[in-house]
């Protein structure tokens, strides 16, 4: 356990990830209410919206209205997701409110690249090169390299560590050719194929190849192993995680519309606290925000903790 980090950075993606997949319309005011509530929990990073085509992702047709509407709290990094130049221009209209950093996003699965982006891997590499050049020409740093389906894929099956390494090498080649300086790798278990032994194997191979690179994990709880996978990663010293309050969300192109979403932020925080790892998050407050999120979407969310409560809440009232 000597590799445990002293603290972790949690990137909350509940608003963006959650509201993109909800079947019913979520009001703009409710989206704003959740974003502002999350900023009061001790989280430092909140992904507030998605600047994507309203035809493809109607849940974020009101992205501009949401960003205009929420009150930004000092010290919080608010971000918006986008995939092309049009989306970037929409985000840049709010550069005084949003933190805008570019990323190179590739996929370790040929099948998912086609399903998610309607591109071949070669087309996606070319698109990422163009997008990286566009970011840099606008003075926007590109410091993140993300790999989707890094641990397995519903369309292609198991993904080998060698494929992940090869895909990262493709991304690093783009960075080298364009002058981007990558500071962190983001490995996404997009469809919930990860298991602790697979997390350890892939992270081990990546660390062998790039020993000094920071690693972030984007874990989905599709098959109930997200917390176990986070535990494995924490023991290897990983200190950056994406998560969603209440377990909101999921990938709309994964082919499993009823699957659970990301690792629940409050369950990740509980795991870290029980392991003695600092998060800076007020867990009981976060649980209340998770209950708010459940009320907003109008159905039960995957999180066990928003129904069970924190351990500290019981410790405070326990009788010896």
C-alpha atoms as a PDB file:
ATOM      1  CA  UNK A   1       0.000   0.000   0.000  1.00  0.00           C
ATOM      2  CA  UNK A   2       3.077   2.291  -0.032  1.00  0.00           C
ATOM      3  CA  UNK A   3       2.084   3.777  -3.409  1.00  0.00           C
ATOM      4  CA  UNK A   4      -1.156   5.237  -2.064  1.00  0.00           C
ATOM      5  CA  UNK A   5      -1.497   8.935  -2.928  1.00  0.00           C
ATOM      6  CA  UNK A   6      -1.921  11.374  -0.052  1.00  0.00           C
ATOM      7  CA  UNK A   7      -4.734  13.123  -1.897  1.00  0.00           C
ATOM      8  CA  UNK A   8      -6.794  12.820  -5.070  1.00  0.00           C
ATOM      9  CA  UNK A   9      -8.281  15.242  -7.578  1.00  0.00           C
ATOM     10  CA  UNK A  10     -11.844  14.413  -8.553  1.00  0.00           C
ATOM     11  CA  UNK A  11     -13.319  15.770 -11.770  1.00  0.00           C
ATOM     12  CA  UNK A  12     -17.092  15.855 -11.357  1.00  0.00           C
ATOM     13  CA  UNK A  13     -18.866  15.168 -14.651  1.00  0.00           C
ATOM     14  CA  UNK A  14     -22.398  14.550 -13.400  1.00  0.00           C
ATOM     15  CA  UNK A  15     -24.134  17.486 -15.094  1.00  0.00           C
ATOM     16  CA  UNK A  16     -22.602  16.904 -18.511  1.00  0.00           C
ATOM     17  CA  UNK A  17     -22.468  13.109 -18.448  1.00  0.00           C
ATOM     18  CA  UNK A  18     -25.817  12.690 -16.738  1.00  0.00           C
ATOM     19  CA  UNK A  19     -28.066  15.052 -18.610  1.00  0.00           C
ATOM     20  CA  UNK A  20     -26.822  13.929 -22.029  1.00  0.00           C
ATOM     21  CA  UNK A  21     -28.425  10.523 -21.583  1.00  0.00           C
ATOM     22  CA  UNK A  22     -31.601  11.201 -19.598  1.00  0.00           C
ATOM     23  CA  UNK A  23     -34.639  10.290 -21.727  1.00  0.00           C
ATOM     24  CA  UNK A  24     -36.857  13.005 -20.308  1.00  0.00           C
ATOM     25  CA  UNK A  25     -36.140  16.717 -20.713  1.00  0.00           C
ATOM     26  CA  UNK A  26     -34.294  18.253 -17.769  1.00  0.00           C
ATOM     27  CA  UNK A  27     -35.032  21.921 -17.255  1.00  0.00           C
ATOM     28  CA  UNK A  28     -32.278  24.495 -17.601  1.00  0.00           C
ATOM     29  CA  UNK A  29     -32.951  25.775 -14.081  1.00  0.00           C
ATOM     30  CA  UNK A  30     -32.493  22.285 -12.629  1.00  0.00           C
ATOM     31  CA  UNK A  31     -29.172  21.868 -14.444  1.00  0.00           C
ATOM     32  CA  UNK A  32     -28.003  25.190 -13.028  1.00  0.00           C
ATOM     33  CA  UNK A  33     -29.172  24.217  -9.539  1.00  0.00           C
ATOM     34  CA  UNK A  34     -27.114  21.011  -9.619  1.00  0.00           C
ATOM     35  CA  UNK A  35     -23.984  22.732 -10.935  1.00  0.00           C
ATOM     36  CA  UNK A  36     -24.139  25.396  -8.227  1.00  0.00           C
ATOM     37  CA  UNK A  37     -24.807  22.797  -5.511  1.00  0.00           C
ATOM     38  CA  UNK A  38     -21.812  20.708  -6.562  1.00  0.00           C
ATOM     39  CA  UNK A  39     -19.575  23.766  -6.272  1.00  0.00           C
ATOM     40  CA  UNK A  40     -20.452  23.975  -2.566  1.00  0.00           C
ATOM     41  CA  UNK A  41     -19.242  20.441  -1.700  1.00  0.00           C
ATOM     42  CA  UNK A  42     -15.481  21.001  -1.859  1.00  0.00           C
ATOM     43  CA  UNK A  43     -15.072  19.719  -5.424  1.00  0.00           C
ATOM     44  CA  UNK A  44     -12.677  21.804  -7.522  1.00  0.00           C
ATOM     45  CA  UNK A  45     -13.599  20.592 -11.011  1.00  0.00           C
ATOM     46  CA  UNK A  46     -17.119  20.497 -12.464  1.00  0.00           C
ATOM     47  CA  UNK A  47     -17.845  19.639 -16.095  1.00  0.00           C
ATOM     48  CA  UNK A  48     -20.927  21.750 -16.576  1.00  0.00           C
ATOM     49  CA  UNK A  49     -22.193  21.031 -20.076  1.00  0.00           C
ATOM     50  CA  UNK A  50     -21.617  19.607 -23.523  1.00  0.00           C
ATOM     51  CA  UNK A  51     -21.364  21.760 -26.653  1.00  0.00           C
ATOM     52  CA  UNK A  52     -22.522  19.137 -29.121  1.00  0.00           C
ATOM     53  CA  UNK A  53     -25.159  18.872 -31.827  1.00  0.00           C
ATOM     54  CA  UNK A  54     -28.636  19.213 -30.314  1.00  0.00           C
ATOM     55  CA  UNK A  55     -29.855  16.810 -32.976  1.00  0.00           C
ATOM     56  CA  UNK A  56     -27.550  14.052 -31.729  1.00  0.00           C
ATOM     57  CA  UNK A  57     -27.599  14.957 -28.021  1.00  0.00           C
ATOM     58  CA  UNK A  58     -30.847  16.860 -27.401  1.00  0.00           C
ATOM     59  CA  UNK A  59     -30.236  16.855 -23.648  1.00  0.00           C
ATOM     60  CA  UNK A  60     -27.642  19.591 -24.139  1.00  0.00           C
ATOM     61  CA  UNK A  61     -29.502  21.819 -26.584  1.00  0.00           C
ATOM     62  CA  UNK A  62     -29.490  24.476 -23.833  1.00  0.00           C
ATOM     63  CA  UNK A  63     -25.736  24.466 -23.152  1.00  0.00           C
ATOM     64  CA  UNK A  64     -25.362  28.209 -23.674  1.00  0.00           C
ATOM     65  CA  UNK A  65     -28.315  29.017 -21.431  1.00  0.00           C
ATOM     66  CA  UNK A  66     -26.901  26.828 -18.660  1.00  0.00           C
ATOM     67  CA  UNK A  67     -23.448  28.407 -18.748  1.00  0.00           C
ATOM     68  CA  UNK A  68     -24.908  31.888 -18.892  1.00  0.00           C
ATOM     69  CA  UNK A  69     -27.187  31.067 -15.976  1.00  0.00           C
ATOM     70  CA  UNK A  70     -25.002  29.549 -13.270  1.00  0.00           C
ATOM     71  CA  UNK A  71     -23.062  31.635 -10.797  1.00  0.00           C
ATOM     72  CA  UNK A  72     -19.414  30.634 -10.985  1.00  0.00           C
ATOM     73  CA  UNK A  73     -17.750  30.142  -7.618  1.00  0.00           C
ATOM     74  CA  UNK A  74     -14.140  31.359  -7.351  1.00  0.00           C
ATOM     75  CA  UNK A  75     -11.629  28.524  -7.220  1.00  0.00           C
ATOM     76  CA  UNK A  76     -13.792  26.082  -9.179  1.00  0.00           C
ATOM     77  CA  UNK A  77     -12.733  24.994 -12.665  1.00  0.00           C
ATOM     78  CA  UNK A  78     -15.842  24.697 -14.822  1.00  0.00           C
ATOM     79  CA  UNK A  79     -15.443  22.984 -18.178  1.00  0.00           C
ATOM     80  CA  UNK A  80     -17.546  22.107 -21.215  1.00  0.00           C
ATOM     81  CA  UNK A  81     -17.106  19.146 -23.522  1.00  0.00           C
ATOM     82  CA  UNK A  82     -16.891  19.548 -27.309  1.00  0.00           C
ATOM     83  CA  UNK A  83     -15.656  17.461 -30.232  1.00  0.00           C
ATOM     84  CA  UNK A  84     -15.094  19.850 -33.134  1.00  0.00           C
ATOM     85  CA  UNK A  85     -14.344  23.424 -34.127  1.00  0.00           C
ATOM     86  CA  UNK A  86     -17.954  24.521 -33.903  1.00  0.00           C
ATOM     87  CA  UNK A  87     -18.204  23.204 -30.358  1.00  0.00           C
ATOM     88  CA  UNK A  88     -14.919  24.881 -29.462  1.00  0.00           C
ATOM     89  CA  UNK A  89     -16.190  28.222 -30.745  1.00  0.00           C
ATOM     90  CA  UNK A  90     -19.331  27.826 -28.631  1.00  0.00           C
ATOM     91  CA  UNK A  91     -17.181  27.121 -25.574  1.00  0.00           C
ATOM     92  CA  UNK A  92     -14.834  30.032 -26.288  1.00  0.00           C
ATOM     93  CA  UNK A  93     -17.777  32.399 -26.085  1.00  0.00           C
ATOM     94  CA  UNK A  94     -17.628  31.662 -22.339  1.00  0.00           C
ATOM     95  CA  UNK A  95     -13.846  31.713 -21.876  1.00  0.00           C
ATOM     96  CA  UNK A  96     -14.201  34.105 -18.932  1.00  0.00           C
ATOM     97  CA  UNK A  97     -16.325  31.518 -17.116  1.00  0.00           C
ATOM     98  CA  UNK A  98     -15.054  28.153 -18.364  1.00  0.00           C
ATOM     99  CA  UNK A  99     -11.588  26.645 -18.165  1.00  0.00           C
ATOM    100  CA  UNK A 100     -10.768  25.690 -21.748  1.00  0.00           C
ATOM    101  CA  UNK A 101      -7.955  23.226 -22.376  1.00  0.00           C
ATOM    102  CA  UNK A 102      -7.657  21.033 -25.419  1.00  0.00           C
ATOM    103  CA  UNK A 103      -7.237  17.287 -25.454  1.00  0.00           C
ATOM    104  CA  UNK A 104      -6.354  14.625 -27.977  1.00  0.00           C
ATOM    105  CA  UNK A 105      -9.087  11.986 -27.827  1.00  0.00           C
ATOM    106  CA  UNK A 106      -8.563   8.583 -29.436  1.00  0.00           C
ATOM    107  CA  UNK A 107     -10.231   5.195 -29.059  1.00  0.00           C
ATOM    108  CA  UNK A 108      -8.572   1.816 -28.563  1.00  0.00           C
ATOM    109  CA  UNK A 109     -11.496   0.114 -30.346  1.00  0.00           C
ATOM    110  CA  UNK A 110     -12.058   0.312 -34.093  1.00  0.00           C
ATOM    111  CA  UNK A 111     -15.699  -0.645 -33.609  1.00  0.00           C
ATOM    112  CA  UNK A 112     -16.409   2.051 -31.062  1.00  0.00           C
ATOM    113  CA  UNK A 113     -14.620   4.709 -33.114  1.00  0.00           C
ATOM    114  CA  UNK A 114     -17.069   3.978 -35.895  1.00  0.00           C
ATOM    115  CA  UNK A 115     -20.106   3.802 -33.614  1.00  0.00           C
ATOM    116  CA  UNK A 116     -19.293   6.868 -31.517  1.00  0.00           C
ATOM    117  CA  UNK A 117     -17.740   9.176 -34.112  1.00  0.00           C
ATOM    118  CA  UNK A 118     -18.551   7.570 -37.474  1.00  0.00           C
ATOM    119  CA  UNK A 119     -14.848   7.593 -38.322  1.00  0.00           C
ATOM    120  CA  UNK A 120     -12.138   5.070 -39.025  1.00  0.00           C
ATOM    121  CA  UNK A 121      -9.150   5.199 -36.640  1.00  0.00           C
ATOM    122  CA  UNK A 122      -7.130   6.844 -39.406  1.00  0.00           C
ATOM    123  CA  UNK A 123      -9.820   9.474 -39.952  1.00  0.00           C
ATOM    124  CA  UNK A 124      -9.966  10.122 -36.232  1.00  0.00           C
ATOM    125  CA  UNK A 125      -6.196  10.557 -35.979  1.00  0.00           C
ATOM    126  CA  UNK A 126      -6.348  13.077 -38.830  1.00  0.00           C
ATOM    127  CA  UNK A 127      -9.257  14.873 -37.161  1.00  0.00           C
ATOM    128  CA  UNK A 128      -7.398  15.035 -33.850  1.00  0.00           C
ATOM    129  CA  UNK A 129      -4.336  16.431 -35.574  1.00  0.00           C
ATOM    130  CA  UNK A 130      -6.442  19.172 -37.152  1.00  0.00           C
ATOM    131  CA  UNK A 131      -8.220  19.900 -33.888  1.00  0.00           C
ATOM    132  CA  UNK A 132      -4.938  20.069 -31.966  1.00  0.00           C
ATOM    133  CA  UNK A 133      -3.517  22.506 -34.494  1.00  0.00           C
ATOM    134  CA  UNK A 134      -6.706  24.583 -34.257  1.00  0.00           C
ATOM    135  CA  UNK A 135      -6.479  24.733 -30.458  1.00  0.00           C
ATOM    136  CA  UNK A 136      -2.862  25.764 -30.492  1.00  0.00           C
ATOM    137  CA  UNK A 137      -3.508  28.406 -33.170  1.00  0.00           C
ATOM    138  CA  UNK A 138      -6.076  29.929 -30.803  1.00  0.00           C
ATOM    139  CA  UNK A 139      -3.629  29.902 -27.896  1.00  0.00           C
ATOM    140  CA  UNK A 140      -5.441  27.043 -26.146  1.00  0.00           C
ATOM    141  CA  UNK A 141      -3.065  24.522 -24.544  1.00  0.00           C
ATOM    142  CA  UNK A 142      -3.490  20.850 -25.418  1.00  0.00           C
ATOM    143  CA  UNK A 143      -2.151  18.926 -22.436  1.00  0.00           C
ATOM    144  CA  UNK A 144      -4.381  15.866 -22.138  1.00  0.00           C
ATOM    145  CA  UNK A 145      -4.409  12.622 -24.131  1.00  0.00           C
ATOM    146  CA  UNK A 146      -7.509  10.490 -23.647  1.00  0.00           C
ATOM    147  CA  UNK A 147      -8.146   6.919 -24.729  1.00  0.00           C
ATOM    148  CA  UNK A 148     -11.718   5.627 -24.784  1.00  0.00           C
ATOM    149  CA  UNK A 149     -12.540   1.909 -24.461  1.00  0.00           C
ATOM    150  CA  UNK A 150      -9.121   1.361 -22.893  1.00  0.00           C
ATOM    151  CA  UNK A 151     -10.164  -1.770 -20.998  1.00  0.00           C
ATOM    152  CA  UNK A 152     -12.637  -3.436 -23.355  1.00  0.00           C
ATOM    153  CA  UNK A 153     -15.455  -2.747 -25.787  1.00  0.00           C
ATOM    154  CA  UNK A 154     -19.012  -3.970 -26.355  1.00  0.00           C
ATOM    155  CA  UNK A 155     -18.378  -3.905 -30.109  1.00  0.00           C
ATOM    156  CA  UNK A 156     -14.864  -5.338 -30.252  1.00  0.00           C
ATOM    157  CA  UNK A 157     -14.434  -7.353 -27.061  1.00  0.00           C
ATOM    158  CA  UNK A 158     -11.257  -7.422 -24.990  1.00  0.00           C
ATOM    159  CA  UNK A 159      -8.710  -4.673 -25.619  1.00  0.00           C
ATOM    160  CA  UNK A 160      -5.105  -5.678 -25.023  1.00  0.00           C
ATOM    161  CA  UNK A 161      -2.636  -3.478 -23.146  1.00  0.00           C
ATOM    162  CA  UNK A 162      -0.545  -3.473 -26.331  1.00  0.00           C
ATOM    163  CA  UNK A 163      -3.449  -1.853 -28.198  1.00  0.00           C
ATOM    164  CA  UNK A 164      -3.732   0.811 -25.511  1.00  0.00           C
ATOM    165  CA  UNK A 165       0.006   1.510 -25.755  1.00  0.00           C
ATOM    166  CA  UNK A 166      -0.210   1.708 -29.549  1.00  0.00           C
ATOM    167  CA  UNK A 167      -3.145   4.129 -29.353  1.00  0.00           C
ATOM    168  CA  UNK A 168      -1.299   6.303 -26.836  1.00  0.00           C
ATOM    169  CA  UNK A 169       1.700   6.310 -29.164  1.00  0.00           C
ATOM    170  CA  UNK A 170      -0.565   7.558 -31.963  1.00  0.00           C
ATOM    171  CA  UNK A 171      -1.668  10.383 -29.685  1.00  0.00           C
ATOM    172  CA  UNK A 172       1.859  11.246 -28.615  1.00  0.00           C
ATOM    173  CA  UNK A 173       2.880  11.373 -32.270  1.00  0.00           C
ATOM    174  CA  UNK A 174       0.131  13.945 -32.889  1.00  0.00           C
ATOM    175  CA  UNK A 175       1.432  15.942 -29.925  1.00  0.00           C
ATOM    176  CA  UNK A 176       5.000  15.802 -31.204  1.00  0.00           C
ATOM    177  CA  UNK A 177       3.987  16.851 -34.724  1.00  0.00           C
ATOM    178  CA  UNK A 178       1.894  19.786 -33.526  1.00  0.00           C
ATOM    179  CA  UNK A 179       3.967  20.960 -30.578  1.00  0.00           C
ATOM    180  CA  UNK A 180       1.402  20.055 -27.932  1.00  0.00           C
ATOM    181  CA  UNK A 181       2.774  19.187 -24.493  1.00  0.00           C
ATOM    182  CA  UNK A 182       0.895  16.271 -22.940  1.00  0.00           C
ATOM    183  CA  UNK A 183       0.847  16.284 -19.134  1.00  0.00           C
ATOM    184  CA  UNK A 184      -1.698  13.583 -18.363  1.00  0.00           C
ATOM    185  CA  UNK A 185      -3.143  10.414 -19.884  1.00  0.00           C
ATOM    186  CA  UNK A 186      -6.850   9.785 -19.352  1.00  0.00           C
ATOM    187  CA  UNK A 187      -7.832   6.118 -19.679  1.00  0.00           C
ATOM    188  CA  UNK A 188     -11.565   5.514 -19.967  1.00  0.00           C
ATOM    189  CA  UNK A 189     -13.415   2.309 -19.175  1.00  0.00           C
ATOM    190  CA  UNK A 190     -16.169   3.589 -21.434  1.00  0.00           C
ATOM    191  CA  UNK A 191     -18.310   0.462 -21.411  1.00  0.00           C
ATOM    192  CA  UNK A 192     -17.452  -1.065 -18.067  1.00  0.00           C
ATOM    193  CA  UNK A 193     -15.120  -3.883 -19.087  1.00  0.00           C
ATOM    194  CA  UNK A 194     -12.545  -3.074 -16.425  1.00  0.00           C
ATOM    195  CA  UNK A 195     -11.723  -5.415 -13.552  1.00  0.00           C
ATOM    196  CA  UNK A 196      -8.980  -4.905 -10.947  1.00  0.00           C
ATOM    197  CA  UNK A 197      -6.517  -7.274 -12.606  1.00  0.00           C
ATOM    198  CA  UNK A 198      -7.072  -5.567 -15.971  1.00  0.00           C
ATOM    199  CA  UNK A 199      -6.648  -2.113 -14.416  1.00  0.00           C
ATOM    200  CA  UNK A 200      -3.357  -3.242 -12.872  1.00  0.00           C
ATOM    201  CA  UNK A 201      -2.131  -4.770 -16.133  1.00  0.00           C
ATOM    202  CA  UNK A 202      -2.921  -1.790 -18.341  1.00  0.00           C
ATOM    203  CA  UNK A 203      -1.640   0.787 -15.846  1.00  0.00           C
ATOM    204  CA  UNK A 204       1.504  -1.266 -15.357  1.00  0.00           C
ATOM    205  CA  UNK A 205       2.205  -1.358 -19.094  1.00  0.00           C
ATOM    206  CA  UNK A 206       1.528   2.365 -19.480  1.00  0.00           C
ATOM    207  CA  UNK A 207       3.797   3.162 -16.533  1.00  0.00           C
ATOM    208  CA  UNK A 208       6.552   0.994 -17.994  1.00  0.00           C
ATOM    209  CA  UNK A 209       6.366   2.969 -21.230  1.00  0.00           C
ATOM    210  CA  UNK A 210       5.873   6.457 -19.717  1.00  0.00           C
ATOM    211  CA  UNK A 211       7.006   6.233 -16.066  1.00  0.00           C
ATOM    212  CA  UNK A 212       6.660   9.964 -15.315  1.00  0.00           C
ATOM    213  CA  UNK A 213       3.265  10.607 -16.917  1.00  0.00           C
ATOM    214  CA  UNK A 214       0.275  11.409 -14.718  1.00  0.00           C
ATOM    215  CA  UNK A 215      -2.687   9.086 -15.255  1.00  0.00           C
ATOM    216  CA  UNK A 216      -6.385   9.793 -14.821  1.00  0.00           C
ATOM    217  CA  UNK A 217      -9.145   7.177 -14.871  1.00  0.00           C
ATOM    218  CA  UNK A 218     -12.674   7.541 -16.187  1.00  0.00           C
ATOM    219  CA  UNK A 219     -14.481   4.520 -14.768  1.00  0.00           C
ATOM    220  CA  UNK A 220     -17.966   3.253 -15.578  1.00  0.00           C
ATOM    221  CA  UNK A 221     -19.913   1.005 -13.217  1.00  0.00           C
ATOM    222  CA  UNK A 222     -21.662  -0.942 -15.961  1.00  0.00           C
ATOM    223  CA  UNK A 223     -20.888  -4.283 -14.326  1.00  0.00           C
ATOM    224  CA  UNK A 224     -20.536  -3.143 -10.731  1.00  0.00           C
ATOM    225  CA  UNK A 225     -16.728  -3.093 -10.512  1.00  0.00           C
ATOM    226  CA  UNK A 226     -15.994   0.637 -10.624  1.00  0.00           C
ATOM    227  CA  UNK A 227     -15.153   0.974  -6.918  1.00  0.00           C
ATOM    228  CA  UNK A 228     -13.000  -2.169  -7.024  1.00  0.00           C
ATOM    229  CA  UNK A 229     -11.214  -0.745 -10.057  1.00  0.00           C
ATOM    230  CA  UNK A 230     -10.655   2.587  -8.307  1.00  0.00           C
ATOM    231  CA  UNK A 231      -9.234   0.708  -5.313  1.00  0.00           C
ATOM    232  CA  UNK A 232      -6.760  -1.096  -7.583  1.00  0.00           C
ATOM    233  CA  UNK A 233      -5.747   2.187  -9.198  1.00  0.00           C
ATOM    234  CA  UNK A 234      -5.340   3.988  -5.877  1.00  0.00           C
ATOM    235  CA  UNK A 235      -2.968   1.264  -4.700  1.00  0.00           C
ATOM    236  CA  UNK A 236      -0.893   2.016  -7.799  1.00  0.00           C
ATOM    237  CA  UNK A 237      -0.734   5.709  -6.930  1.00  0.00           C
ATOM    238  CA  UNK A 238      -3.332   7.082  -9.353  1.00  0.00           C
ATOM    239  CA  UNK A 239      -4.649  10.388  -8.026  1.00  0.00           C
ATOM    240  CA  UNK A 240      -6.916  11.730 -10.782  1.00  0.00           C
ATOM    241  CA  UNK A 241     -10.430  10.394 -11.318  1.00  0.00           C
ATOM    242  CA  UNK A 242     -13.544  11.381 -13.228  1.00  0.00           C
ATOM    243  CA  UNK A 243     -16.849  10.606 -11.520  1.00  0.00           C
ATOM    244  CA  UNK A 244     -20.502  11.611 -11.435  1.00  0.00           C
ATOM    245  CA  UNK A 245     -22.678  12.470  -8.471  1.00  0.00           C
ATOM    246  CA  UNK A 246     -25.208   9.718  -7.819  1.00  0.00           C
ATOM    247  CA  UNK A 247     -23.770   7.726 -10.712  1.00  0.00           C
ATOM    248  CA  UNK A 248     -25.511   9.948 -13.242  1.00  0.00           C
ATOM    249  CA  UNK A 249     -25.003   9.258 -16.906  1.00  0.00           C
ATOM    250  CA  UNK A 250     -23.478   6.694 -19.164  1.00  0.00           C
ATOM    251  CA  UNK A 251     -22.383   6.589 -22.771  1.00  0.00           C
ATOM    252  CA  UNK A 252     -25.284   6.993 -25.233  1.00  0.00           C
ATOM    253  CA  UNK A 253     -23.370   5.090 -27.924  1.00  0.00           C
ATOM    254  CA  UNK A 254     -22.324   2.063 -25.849  1.00  0.00           C
ATOM    255  CA  UNK A 255     -25.317  -0.045 -26.827  1.00  0.00           C
ATOM    256  CA  UNK A 256     -26.539  -0.549 -23.254  1.00  0.00           C
ATOM    257  CA  UNK A 257     -29.209   2.070 -22.536  1.00  0.00           C
ATOM    258  CA  UNK A 258     -30.068   0.669 -19.083  1.00  0.00           C
ATOM    259  CA  UNK A 259     -26.484   0.313 -17.855  1.00  0.00           C
ATOM    260  CA  UNK A 260     -25.229   2.165 -14.789  1.00  0.00           C
ATOM    261  CA  UNK A 261     -23.207   5.294 -15.413  1.00  0.00           C
ATOM    262  CA  UNK A 262     -19.870   6.438 -14.066  1.00  0.00           C
ATOM    263  CA  UNK A 263     -18.379   5.629 -10.717  1.00  0.00           C
ATOM    264  CA  UNK A 264     -20.404   7.546  -8.137  1.00  0.00           C
ATOM    265  CA  UNK A 265     -18.537  10.556  -6.788  1.00  0.00           C
ATOM    266  CA  UNK A 266     -19.746   9.987  -3.241  1.00  0.00           C
ATOM    267  CA  UNK A 267     -18.722   6.315  -3.294  1.00  0.00           C
ATOM    268  CA  UNK A 268     -15.279   7.264  -4.615  1.00  0.00           C
ATOM    269  CA  UNK A 269     -14.961   9.857  -1.842  1.00  0.00           C
ATOM    270  CA  UNK A 270     -16.004   7.301   0.789  1.00  0.00           C
ATOM    271  CA  UNK A 271     -13.443   4.798  -0.524  1.00  0.00           C
ATOM    272  CA  UNK A 272     -10.680   7.408  -0.376  1.00  0.00           C
ATOM    273  CA  UNK A 273     -11.632   8.574   3.105  1.00  0.00           C
ATOM    274  CA  UNK A 274     -11.684   5.028   4.451  1.00  0.00           C
ATOM    275  CA  UNK A 275      -8.217   4.521   2.954  1.00  0.00           C
ATOM    276  CA  UNK A 276      -6.901   7.729   4.550  1.00  0.00           C
ATOM    277  CA  UNK A 277      -6.671   9.624   1.261  1.00  0.00           C
ATOM    278  CA  UNK A 278      -7.694  13.281   1.274  1.00  0.00           C
ATOM    279  CA  UNK A 279     -10.355  14.489  -1.168  1.00  0.00           C
ATOM    280  CA  UNK A 280     -11.263  17.909   0.198  1.00  0.00           C
ATOM    281  CA  UNK A 281     -14.940  16.992  -0.231  1.00  0.00           C
ATOM    282  CA  UNK A 282     -17.662  17.264   2.414  1.00  0.00           C
ATOM    283  CA  UNK A 283     -19.136  13.796   1.949  1.00  0.00           C
ATOM    284  CA  UNK A 284     -22.386  14.348   3.809  1.00  0.00           C
ATOM    285  CA  UNK A 285     -23.036  17.502   1.799  1.00  0.00           C
ATOM    286  CA  UNK A 286     -22.216  15.644  -1.422  1.00  0.00           C
ATOM    287  CA  UNK A 287     -24.687  12.899  -0.507  1.00  0.00           C
ATOM    288  CA  UNK A 288     -27.398  15.538  -0.163  1.00  0.00           C
ATOM    289  CA  UNK A 289     -26.522  16.827  -3.631  1.00  0.00           C
ATOM    290  CA  UNK A 290     -26.772  13.254  -4.925  1.00  0.00           C
ATOM    291  CA  UNK A 291     -30.299  13.078  -3.520  1.00  0.00           C
ATOM    292  CA  UNK A 292     -31.047  16.360  -5.254  1.00  0.00           C
ATOM    293  CA  UNK A 293     -29.801  14.878  -8.534  1.00  0.00           C
ATOM    294  CA  UNK A 294     -32.098  11.887  -8.051  1.00  0.00           C
ATOM    295  CA  UNK A 295     -35.051  14.223  -7.512  1.00  0.00           C
ATOM    296  CA  UNK A 296     -34.149  16.182 -10.639  1.00  0.00           C
ATOM    297  CA  UNK A 297     -34.054  13.153 -12.946  1.00  0.00           C
ATOM    298  CA  UNK A 298     -37.122  11.624 -11.302  1.00  0.00           C
ATOM    299  CA  UNK A 299     -35.870   8.066 -10.918  1.00  0.00           C
ATOM    300  CA  UNK A 300     -33.529   6.083  -8.684  1.00  0.00           C
ATOM    301  CA  UNK A 301     -29.837   6.570  -9.369  1.00  0.00           C
ATOM    302  CA  UNK A 302     -27.235   3.784  -9.028  1.00  0.00           C
ATOM    303  CA  UNK A 303     -25.519   5.209  -5.936  1.00  0.00           C
ATOM    304  CA  UNK A 304     -25.939   3.102  -2.812  1.00  0.00           C
ATOM    305  CA  UNK A 305     -24.549   5.874  -0.636  1.00  0.00           C
ATOM    306  CA  UNK A 306     -27.247   8.452  -1.308  1.00  0.00           C
ATOM    307  CA  UNK A 307     -29.668   5.940   0.185  1.00  0.00           C
ATOM    308  CA  UNK A 308     -27.481   4.466   2.945  1.00  0.00           C
ATOM    309  CA  UNK A 309     -25.674   7.595   4.149  1.00  0.00           C
ATOM    310  CA  UNK A 310     -22.007   7.997   5.052  1.00  0.00           C
ATOM    311  CA  UNK A 311     -20.199   5.945   7.673  1.00  0.00           C
ATOM    312  CA  UNK A 312     -19.205   9.066   9.571  1.00  0.00           C
ATOM    313  CA  UNK A 313     -22.865  10.000   9.947  1.00  0.00           C
ATOM    314  CA  UNK A 314     -23.349   6.736  11.826  1.00  0.00           C
ATOM    315  CA  UNK A 315     -20.060   7.027  13.707  1.00  0.00           C
ATOM    316  CA  UNK A 316     -21.218  10.334  15.151  1.00  0.00           C
ATOM    317  CA  UNK A 317     -24.364   8.764  16.563  1.00  0.00           C
ATOM    318  CA  UNK A 318     -23.044   5.315  17.448  1.00  0.00           C
ATOM    319  CA  UNK A 319     -23.201   4.339  21.110  1.00  0.00           C
ATOM    320  CA  UNK A 320     -20.276   2.561  22.721  1.00  0.00           C
END
